[in-house]
């Protein structure tokens, strides 16, 4: 049984210089009854605005930047964007690390493990760094301590018999 389908749709713009859009929805049969309606069109836009407002309110409740001196709306928007990108960069990896001791020419494969981690550079170097993780989680813990606890558990699960954690 195939589990991937590719469909190409070619559309002509109805009127030159007129903006138009269309929605493509993928929904598995198992989740068909979870939503009252599809996330499309006006309903999607309303949900997006609602969730953005909810995020902004929670952000202000936690960080209270509007009460800080020299914090204008531009700086607050930058801070929101920064947090959003940090949370959005949290990733889950599974596999083996290559580990080499000083002077070792050919690295050894570390045991297979999983890592839930904030990624400092998704586009250029998508992997976790133990040193950076401490700094990431100063902010993540204020947003959601449970995420920080899960991340730390994954890093501690990578401890070897000598107490060393590969980065």
N, C-alpha and C. Protein backbone atom coordinates (compact mmCIF):
# COMPACT_ATOMS: atom_id res chain seq x y z
N UNK A 1 0.84 -1.19 0.00
CA UNK A 1 0.00 0.00 0.00
C UNK A 1 0.88 1.24 0.00
N UNK A 2 0.66 2.17 -0.91
CA UNK A 2 1.43 3.41 -0.88
C UNK A 2 1.00 4.27 0.30
N UNK A 3 1.94 5.04 0.85
CA UNK A 3 1.58 5.94 1.94
C UNK A 3 1.91 7.39 1.62
N UNK A 4 2.34 7.65 0.38
CA UNK A 4 2.64 9.01 -0.05
C UNK A 4 2.06 9.23 -1.44
N UNK A 5 1.41 10.35 -1.60
CA UNK A 5 0.83 10.70 -2.88
C UNK A 5 1.30 12.10 -3.25
N UNK A 6 1.61 12.29 -4.52
CA UNK A 6 2.01 13.61 -5.01
C UNK A 6 0.98 14.05 -6.04
N UNK A 7 0.53 15.27 -5.89
CA UNK A 7 -0.46 15.82 -6.80
C UNK A 7 0.04 17.18 -7.26
N UNK A 8 -0.01 17.43 -8.55
CA UNK A 8 0.36 18.73 -9.08
C UNK A 8 -0.89 19.44 -9.56
N UNK A 9 -1.06 20.67 -9.12
CA UNK A 9 -2.20 21.47 -9.53
C UNK A 9 -1.64 22.73 -10.18
N UNK A 10 -2.08 23.02 -11.37
CA UNK A 10 -1.66 24.25 -12.06
C UNK A 10 -2.88 25.14 -12.21
N UNK A 11 -2.78 26.34 -11.69
CA UNK A 11 -3.90 27.28 -11.74
C UNK A 11 -3.49 28.53 -12.49
N UNK A 12 -4.42 29.10 -13.19
CA UNK A 12 -4.20 30.40 -13.82
C UNK A 12 -4.85 31.45 -12.92
N UNK A 13 -4.16 32.54 -12.76
CA UNK A 13 -4.70 33.63 -11.96
C UNK A 13 -5.93 34.18 -12.65
N UNK A 14 -7.07 34.24 -11.95
CA UNK A 14 -8.33 34.63 -12.61
C UNK A 14 -8.27 36.00 -13.29
N UNK A 15 -7.76 36.99 -12.59
CA UNK A 15 -7.67 38.34 -13.14
C UNK A 15 -6.26 38.86 -12.86
N UNK A 16 -5.63 39.44 -13.87
CA UNK A 16 -4.27 39.95 -13.69
C UNK A 16 -4.24 40.95 -12.53
N UNK A 17 -3.18 40.88 -11.74
CA UNK A 17 -2.95 41.78 -10.59
C UNK A 17 -3.99 41.64 -9.48
N UNK A 18 -4.79 40.61 -9.50
CA UNK A 18 -5.74 40.38 -8.43
C UNK A 18 -5.21 39.26 -7.54
N UNK A 19 -5.24 39.47 -6.24
CA UNK A 19 -4.73 38.48 -5.30
C UNK A 19 -5.80 37.40 -5.10
N UNK A 20 -5.37 36.16 -5.11
CA UNK A 20 -6.29 35.08 -4.80
C UNK A 20 -5.53 34.03 -3.99
N UNK A 21 -6.27 33.16 -3.35
CA UNK A 21 -5.62 32.10 -2.57
C UNK A 21 -6.52 30.86 -2.61
N UNK A 22 -5.92 29.75 -2.23
CA UNK A 22 -6.68 28.52 -2.09
C UNK A 22 -6.05 27.72 -0.96
N UNK A 23 -6.81 26.86 -0.36
CA UNK A 23 -6.36 26.05 0.76
C UNK A 23 -6.22 24.61 0.34
N UNK A 24 -5.16 23.97 0.80
CA UNK A 24 -4.98 22.54 0.64
C UNK A 24 -4.95 21.95 2.04
N UNK A 25 -5.80 21.00 2.28
CA UNK A 25 -5.93 20.44 3.62
C UNK A 25 -5.52 18.98 3.59
N UNK A 26 -4.60 18.61 4.46
CA UNK A 26 -4.30 17.20 4.66
C UNK A 26 -4.81 16.84 6.04
N UNK A 27 -5.64 15.84 6.11
CA UNK A 27 -6.17 15.40 7.38
C UNK A 27 -6.33 13.90 7.34
N UNK A 28 -5.70 13.22 8.27
CA UNK A 28 -5.80 11.76 8.29
C UNK A 28 -7.19 11.35 8.77
N UNK A 29 -7.58 10.17 8.39
CA UNK A 29 -8.90 9.69 8.80
C UNK A 29 -9.01 9.58 10.31
N UNK A 30 -7.88 9.27 10.97
CA UNK A 30 -7.94 9.10 12.42
C UNK A 30 -8.21 10.41 13.15
N UNK A 31 -7.90 11.54 12.53
CA UNK A 31 -8.12 12.82 13.21
C UNK A 31 -9.35 13.55 12.69
N UNK A 32 -10.11 12.92 11.81
CA UNK A 32 -11.23 13.58 11.16
C UNK A 32 -12.28 14.08 12.15
N UNK A 33 -12.43 13.41 13.27
CA UNK A 33 -13.47 13.80 14.21
C UNK A 33 -12.95 14.68 15.34
N UNK A 34 -11.68 15.05 15.31
CA UNK A 34 -11.13 15.86 16.38
C UNK A 34 -11.50 17.33 16.26
N UNK A 35 -11.68 17.83 15.05
CA UNK A 35 -11.99 19.24 14.83
C UNK A 35 -13.44 19.41 14.40
N UNK A 36 -14.03 20.51 14.85
CA UNK A 36 -15.40 20.78 14.43
C UNK A 36 -15.45 21.21 12.97
N UNK A 37 -14.39 21.94 12.52
CA UNK A 37 -14.35 22.31 11.11
C UNK A 37 -12.89 22.43 10.67
N UNK A 38 -12.67 22.41 9.36
CA UNK A 38 -11.31 22.47 8.83
C UNK A 38 -10.68 23.83 9.10
N UNK A 39 -9.37 23.81 9.29
CA UNK A 39 -8.64 25.05 9.49
C UNK A 39 -8.37 25.69 8.13
N UNK A 40 -9.38 26.36 7.60
CA UNK A 40 -9.25 27.01 6.30
C UNK A 40 -9.94 28.36 6.33
N UNK A 41 -9.62 29.16 5.34
CA UNK A 41 -10.32 30.41 5.09
C UNK A 41 -10.47 31.30 6.31
N UNK A 42 -11.66 31.84 6.48
CA UNK A 42 -11.97 32.77 7.56
C UNK A 42 -11.78 32.12 8.93
N UNK A 43 -12.20 30.88 9.06
CA UNK A 43 -12.04 30.18 10.35
C UNK A 43 -10.57 30.07 10.73
N UNK A 44 -9.71 29.74 9.77
CA UNK A 44 -8.27 29.66 10.01
C UNK A 44 -7.73 31.02 10.46
N UNK A 45 -8.11 32.07 9.73
CA UNK A 45 -7.64 33.42 10.07
C UNK A 45 -8.07 33.83 11.47
N UNK A 46 -9.31 33.52 11.83
CA UNK A 46 -9.81 33.86 13.17
C UNK A 46 -9.06 33.09 14.25
N UNK A 47 -8.82 31.81 14.01
CA UNK A 47 -8.06 31.00 14.97
C UNK A 47 -6.64 31.51 15.13
N UNK A 48 -6.02 31.88 14.02
CA UNK A 48 -4.66 32.40 14.05
C UNK A 48 -4.59 33.68 14.87
N UNK A 49 -5.51 34.60 14.65
CA UNK A 49 -5.54 35.85 15.41
C UNK A 49 -5.79 35.56 16.89
N UNK A 50 -6.70 34.64 17.19
CA UNK A 50 -7.00 34.29 18.58
C UNK A 50 -5.76 33.73 19.29
N UNK A 51 -5.05 32.84 18.61
CA UNK A 51 -3.85 32.23 19.21
C UNK A 51 -2.71 33.24 19.33
N UNK A 52 -2.60 34.16 18.38
CA UNK A 52 -1.58 35.20 18.49
C UNK A 52 -1.85 36.10 19.69
N UNK A 53 -3.11 36.48 19.89
CA UNK A 53 -3.47 37.30 21.06
C UNK A 53 -3.19 36.54 22.36
N UNK A 54 -3.52 35.27 22.37
CA UNK A 54 -3.27 34.44 23.54
C UNK A 54 -1.77 34.38 23.85
N UNK A 55 -0.94 34.21 22.82
CA UNK A 55 0.51 34.20 22.99
C UNK A 55 0.99 35.54 23.54
N UNK A 56 0.53 36.64 22.94
CA UNK A 56 0.95 37.98 23.37
C UNK A 56 0.57 38.24 24.82
N UNK A 57 -0.62 37.83 25.22
CA UNK A 57 -1.07 38.03 26.60
C UNK A 57 -0.22 37.21 27.58
N UNK A 58 0.04 35.98 27.22
CA UNK A 58 0.87 35.13 28.08
C UNK A 58 2.28 35.68 28.17
N UNK A 59 2.82 36.13 27.04
CA UNK A 59 4.16 36.72 27.00
C UNK A 59 4.23 37.91 27.96
N UNK A 60 3.24 38.79 27.90
CA UNK A 60 3.26 39.97 28.77
C UNK A 60 3.09 39.59 30.23
N UNK A 61 2.24 38.62 30.52
CA UNK A 61 2.05 38.17 31.90
C UNK A 61 3.35 37.63 32.49
N UNK A 62 4.09 36.86 31.69
CA UNK A 62 5.32 36.24 32.19
C UNK A 62 6.47 37.24 32.27
N UNK A 63 6.69 38.02 31.22
CA UNK A 63 7.89 38.85 31.14
C UNK A 63 7.66 40.32 31.51
N UNK A 64 6.42 40.78 31.45
CA UNK A 64 6.03 42.14 31.84
C UNK A 64 6.95 43.21 31.26
N UNK A 65 7.20 43.13 29.98
CA UNK A 65 8.12 44.08 29.34
C UNK A 65 7.52 45.48 29.22
N UNK A 66 6.20 45.59 29.18
CA UNK A 66 5.58 46.92 29.08
C UNK A 66 5.86 47.77 30.31
N UNK A 67 6.20 47.14 31.43
CA UNK A 67 6.48 47.89 32.66
C UNK A 67 7.95 48.29 32.77
N UNK A 68 8.78 47.79 31.89
CA UNK A 68 10.21 48.06 31.95
C UNK A 68 10.53 49.39 31.26
N UNK A 69 11.54 50.06 31.77
CA UNK A 69 11.97 51.32 31.15
C UNK A 69 12.60 51.05 29.79
N UNK A 70 12.45 51.99 28.90
CA UNK A 70 13.06 51.96 27.57
C UNK A 70 12.58 50.79 26.71
N UNK A 71 11.42 50.23 27.03
CA UNK A 71 10.88 49.13 26.23
C UNK A 71 9.71 49.67 25.41
N UNK A 72 9.96 49.89 24.13
CA UNK A 72 8.88 50.33 23.25
C UNK A 72 8.31 49.11 22.52
N UNK A 73 7.29 49.34 21.72
CA UNK A 73 6.61 48.23 21.03
C UNK A 73 7.54 47.48 20.08
N UNK A 74 8.47 48.20 19.45
CA UNK A 74 9.42 47.55 18.53
C UNK A 74 10.29 46.54 19.28
N UNK A 75 10.79 46.91 20.44
CA UNK A 75 11.63 46.01 21.24
C UNK A 75 10.82 44.83 21.78
N UNK A 76 9.60 45.10 22.17
CA UNK A 76 8.74 44.02 22.69
C UNK A 76 8.42 43.03 21.57
N UNK A 77 8.13 43.53 20.37
CA UNK A 77 7.89 42.64 19.22
C UNK A 77 9.12 41.80 18.91
N UNK A 78 10.30 42.41 19.01
CA UNK A 78 11.55 41.67 18.79
C UNK A 78 11.69 40.56 19.85
N UNK A 79 11.40 40.88 21.10
CA UNK A 79 11.50 39.88 22.17
C UNK A 79 10.51 38.74 21.95
N UNK A 80 9.28 39.07 21.54
CA UNK A 80 8.29 38.03 21.25
C UNK A 80 8.77 37.12 20.12
N UNK A 81 9.30 37.74 19.09
CA UNK A 81 9.81 36.98 17.94
C UNK A 81 10.97 36.07 18.35
N UNK A 82 11.84 36.58 19.18
CA UNK A 82 12.99 35.81 19.66
C UNK A 82 12.53 34.58 20.44
N UNK A 83 11.60 34.79 21.37
CA UNK A 83 11.09 33.66 22.15
C UNK A 83 10.38 32.67 21.23
N UNK A 84 9.59 33.17 20.32
CA UNK A 84 8.86 32.30 19.40
C UNK A 84 9.81 31.44 18.58
N UNK A 85 10.89 32.03 18.10
CA UNK A 85 11.89 31.28 17.33
C UNK A 85 12.63 30.27 18.20
N UNK A 86 12.90 30.63 19.43
CA UNK A 86 13.57 29.70 20.34
C UNK A 86 12.69 28.48 20.60
N UNK A 87 11.43 28.72 20.92
CA UNK A 87 10.50 27.61 21.18
C UNK A 87 10.29 26.81 19.89
N UNK A 88 10.16 27.49 18.76
CA UNK A 88 9.97 26.81 17.48
C UNK A 88 11.17 26.00 17.04
N UNK A 89 12.34 26.31 17.59
CA UNK A 89 13.56 25.59 17.24
C UNK A 89 13.81 24.36 18.08
N UNK A 90 12.95 24.10 19.05
CA UNK A 90 13.11 22.89 19.85
C UNK A 90 12.85 21.69 18.93
N UNK A 91 13.77 20.76 18.93
CA UNK A 91 13.72 19.64 17.98
C UNK A 91 13.96 18.32 18.69
N UNK A 92 13.62 17.25 17.99
CA UNK A 92 13.78 15.89 18.52
C UNK A 92 14.63 15.10 17.55
N UNK A 93 15.74 14.56 18.02
CA UNK A 93 16.66 13.80 17.19
C UNK A 93 16.81 12.39 17.75
N UNK A 94 17.04 11.44 16.87
CA UNK A 94 17.32 10.07 17.28
C UNK A 94 18.49 9.56 16.44
N UNK A 95 19.42 8.89 17.08
CA UNK A 95 20.54 8.33 16.34
C UNK A 95 21.76 8.14 17.22
N UNK A 96 22.91 8.05 16.57
CA UNK A 96 24.18 7.84 17.26
C UNK A 96 25.11 9.01 16.99
N UNK A 97 25.81 9.44 18.01
CA UNK A 97 26.84 10.47 17.84
C UNK A 97 28.17 9.80 17.54
N UNK A 98 29.02 10.49 16.83
CA UNK A 98 30.39 10.03 16.63
C UNK A 98 31.25 10.73 17.67
N UNK A 99 31.97 9.96 18.46
CA UNK A 99 32.73 10.49 19.59
C UNK A 99 34.18 10.08 19.46
N UNK A 100 35.08 11.05 19.63
CA UNK A 100 36.52 10.77 19.58
C UNK A 100 37.20 11.39 20.78
N UNK A 101 38.09 10.63 21.40
CA UNK A 101 38.92 11.15 22.50
C UNK A 101 40.06 11.96 21.90
N UNK A 102 40.68 12.83 22.67
CA UNK A 102 41.80 13.61 22.13
C UNK A 102 42.86 12.69 21.51
N UNK A 103 43.25 13.00 20.28
CA UNK A 103 44.26 12.22 19.58
C UNK A 103 43.73 11.01 18.84
N UNK A 104 42.47 10.68 19.04
CA UNK A 104 41.88 9.51 18.37
C UNK A 104 41.57 9.88 16.92
N UNK A 105 42.05 9.08 15.97
CA UNK A 105 41.89 9.37 14.55
C UNK A 105 40.49 9.05 14.04
N UNK A 106 39.97 7.89 14.42
CA UNK A 106 38.65 7.45 13.94
C UNK A 106 37.67 7.49 15.11
N UNK A 107 36.60 8.26 14.99
CA UNK A 107 35.65 8.34 16.11
C UNK A 107 34.86 7.05 16.29
N UNK A 108 34.43 6.82 17.51
CA UNK A 108 33.57 5.68 17.86
C UNK A 108 32.12 6.12 17.76
N UNK A 109 31.25 5.15 17.50
CA UNK A 109 29.82 5.46 17.53
C UNK A 109 29.32 5.34 18.96
N UNK A 110 28.68 6.39 19.44
CA UNK A 110 28.06 6.40 20.76
C UNK A 110 26.78 5.58 20.68
N UNK A 111 26.23 5.16 21.82
CA UNK A 111 25.02 4.35 21.78
C UNK A 111 23.85 5.14 21.17
N UNK A 112 22.89 4.42 20.60
CA UNK A 112 21.71 5.05 20.00
C UNK A 112 20.87 5.67 21.10
N UNK A 113 20.50 6.91 20.88
CA UNK A 113 19.71 7.63 21.87
C UNK A 113 18.86 8.70 21.19
N UNK A 114 17.99 9.30 21.94
CA UNK A 114 17.15 10.39 21.44
C UNK A 114 17.52 11.66 22.19
N UNK A 115 17.32 12.78 21.55
CA UNK A 115 17.61 14.06 22.18
C UNK A 115 16.54 15.07 21.81
N UNK A 116 15.91 15.62 22.83
CA UNK A 116 14.94 16.71 22.71
C UNK A 116 15.69 17.95 23.15
N UNK A 117 15.87 18.92 22.27
CA UNK A 117 16.79 20.00 22.55
C UNK A 117 16.42 21.27 21.79
N UNK A 118 16.79 22.40 22.35
CA UNK A 118 16.68 23.66 21.61
C UNK A 118 17.89 23.74 20.68
N UNK A 119 17.65 24.14 19.45
CA UNK A 119 18.71 24.16 18.44
C UNK A 119 19.13 25.61 18.20
N UNK A 120 20.41 25.92 18.41
CA UNK A 120 20.85 27.31 18.27
C UNK A 120 20.86 27.84 16.84
N UNK A 121 21.00 26.97 15.86
CA UNK A 121 21.05 27.42 14.47
C UNK A 121 20.39 26.38 13.59
N UNK A 122 19.07 26.46 13.46
CA UNK A 122 18.32 25.45 12.71
C UNK A 122 18.77 25.34 11.27
N UNK A 123 19.00 26.46 10.63
CA UNK A 123 19.27 26.42 9.19
C UNK A 123 20.70 26.02 8.85
N UNK A 124 21.67 26.31 9.72
CA UNK A 124 23.06 26.04 9.38
C UNK A 124 23.66 24.85 10.12
N UNK A 125 23.19 24.59 11.33
CA UNK A 125 23.81 23.54 12.13
C UNK A 125 22.76 22.94 13.06
N UNK A 126 21.82 22.17 12.52
CA UNK A 126 20.68 21.69 13.31
C UNK A 126 21.02 20.53 14.25
N UNK A 127 21.56 20.84 15.39
CA UNK A 127 21.81 19.85 16.43
C UNK A 127 21.90 20.56 17.77
N UNK A 128 21.78 19.79 18.82
CA UNK A 128 21.83 20.38 20.16
C UNK A 128 23.25 20.59 20.64
N UNK A 129 23.42 21.58 21.49
CA UNK A 129 24.71 21.85 22.13
C UNK A 129 24.47 22.00 23.62
N UNK A 130 25.15 21.20 24.40
CA UNK A 130 24.93 21.18 25.84
C UNK A 130 25.20 22.55 26.46
N UNK A 131 26.26 23.21 26.05
CA UNK A 131 26.60 24.52 26.62
C UNK A 131 25.46 25.52 26.33
N UNK A 132 25.01 25.57 25.10
CA UNK A 132 23.94 26.50 24.72
C UNK A 132 22.63 26.18 25.44
N UNK A 133 22.42 24.90 25.72
CA UNK A 133 21.16 24.47 26.33
C UNK A 133 20.89 25.18 27.65
N UNK A 134 21.93 25.42 28.43
CA UNK A 134 21.75 26.14 29.68
C UNK A 134 21.20 27.54 29.45
N UNK A 135 21.74 28.23 28.47
CA UNK A 135 21.28 29.58 28.16
C UNK A 135 19.87 29.57 27.58
N UNK A 136 19.60 28.61 26.68
CA UNK A 136 18.25 28.51 26.11
C UNK A 136 17.22 28.32 27.21
N UNK A 137 17.54 27.47 28.16
CA UNK A 137 16.54 27.10 29.15
C UNK A 137 16.38 28.11 30.28
N UNK A 138 17.22 29.11 30.35
CA UNK A 138 16.93 30.22 31.25
C UNK A 138 15.63 30.90 30.81
N UNK A 139 15.44 30.99 29.51
CA UNK A 139 14.24 31.61 28.95
C UNK A 139 13.09 30.61 28.82
N UNK A 140 13.39 29.42 28.33
CA UNK A 140 12.35 28.41 28.13
C UNK A 140 11.69 28.05 29.46
N UNK A 141 12.45 27.96 30.54
CA UNK A 141 11.89 27.60 31.84
C UNK A 141 10.89 28.64 32.34
N UNK A 142 11.12 29.90 32.02
CA UNK A 142 10.15 30.93 32.41
C UNK A 142 8.87 30.76 31.61
N UNK A 143 8.99 30.31 30.36
CA UNK A 143 7.81 30.13 29.51
C UNK A 143 7.06 28.85 29.89
N UNK A 144 7.81 27.75 30.08
CA UNK A 144 7.17 26.47 30.40
C UNK A 144 8.22 25.55 31.04
N UNK A 145 8.13 25.39 32.33
CA UNK A 145 9.11 24.56 33.06
C UNK A 145 9.09 23.11 32.62
N UNK A 146 7.95 22.61 32.20
CA UNK A 146 7.86 21.21 31.78
C UNK A 146 8.71 20.94 30.55
N UNK A 147 8.79 21.91 29.63
CA UNK A 147 9.65 21.74 28.46
C UNK A 147 11.10 21.64 28.91
N UNK A 148 11.51 22.51 29.81
CA UNK A 148 12.89 22.49 30.32
C UNK A 148 13.20 21.16 31.00
N UNK A 149 12.28 20.66 31.80
CA UNK A 149 12.50 19.38 32.48
C UNK A 149 12.68 18.26 31.46
N UNK A 150 11.84 18.23 30.43
CA UNK A 150 11.97 17.20 29.39
C UNK A 150 13.31 17.30 28.67
N UNK A 151 13.72 18.52 28.36
CA UNK A 151 15.00 18.72 27.67
C UNK A 151 16.15 18.23 28.55
N UNK A 152 16.15 18.61 29.83
CA UNK A 152 17.22 18.18 30.73
C UNK A 152 17.25 16.67 30.91
N UNK A 153 16.09 16.05 30.98
CA UNK A 153 16.04 14.58 31.09
C UNK A 153 16.73 13.93 29.89
N UNK A 154 16.47 14.46 28.70
CA UNK A 154 17.09 13.88 27.51
C UNK A 154 18.61 14.03 27.55
N UNK A 155 19.09 15.20 27.96
CA UNK A 155 20.55 15.37 28.04
C UNK A 155 21.15 14.43 29.09
N UNK A 156 20.50 14.30 30.26
CA UNK A 156 21.02 13.41 31.29
C UNK A 156 20.96 11.94 30.89
N UNK A 157 20.01 11.59 30.04
CA UNK A 157 19.94 10.22 29.53
C UNK A 157 21.14 9.86 28.67
N UNK A 158 21.87 10.85 28.20
CA UNK A 158 23.03 10.61 27.35
C UNK A 158 24.32 10.39 28.15
N UNK A 159 24.24 10.52 29.48
CA UNK A 159 25.42 10.29 30.32
C UNK A 159 26.01 8.91 30.08
N UNK A 160 27.33 8.83 29.96
CA UNK A 160 27.95 7.51 29.88
C UNK A 160 28.41 7.08 31.28
N UNK A 161 29.10 5.94 31.37
CA UNK A 161 29.51 5.40 32.67
C UNK A 161 30.46 6.33 33.42
N UNK A 162 31.19 7.17 32.71
CA UNK A 162 32.12 8.10 33.34
C UNK A 162 31.49 9.44 33.66
N UNK A 163 30.21 9.60 33.40
CA UNK A 163 29.53 10.87 33.67
C UNK A 163 29.69 11.89 32.59
N UNK A 164 30.17 11.48 31.41
CA UNK A 164 30.40 12.39 30.30
C UNK A 164 29.19 12.42 29.40
N UNK A 165 28.84 13.62 28.92
CA UNK A 165 27.71 13.79 28.00
C UNK A 165 28.27 14.31 26.67
N UNK A 166 28.04 13.59 25.57
CA UNK A 166 28.52 14.12 24.29
C UNK A 166 27.67 15.32 23.88
N UNK A 167 28.28 16.22 23.19
CA UNK A 167 27.50 17.36 22.70
C UNK A 167 27.19 17.12 21.28
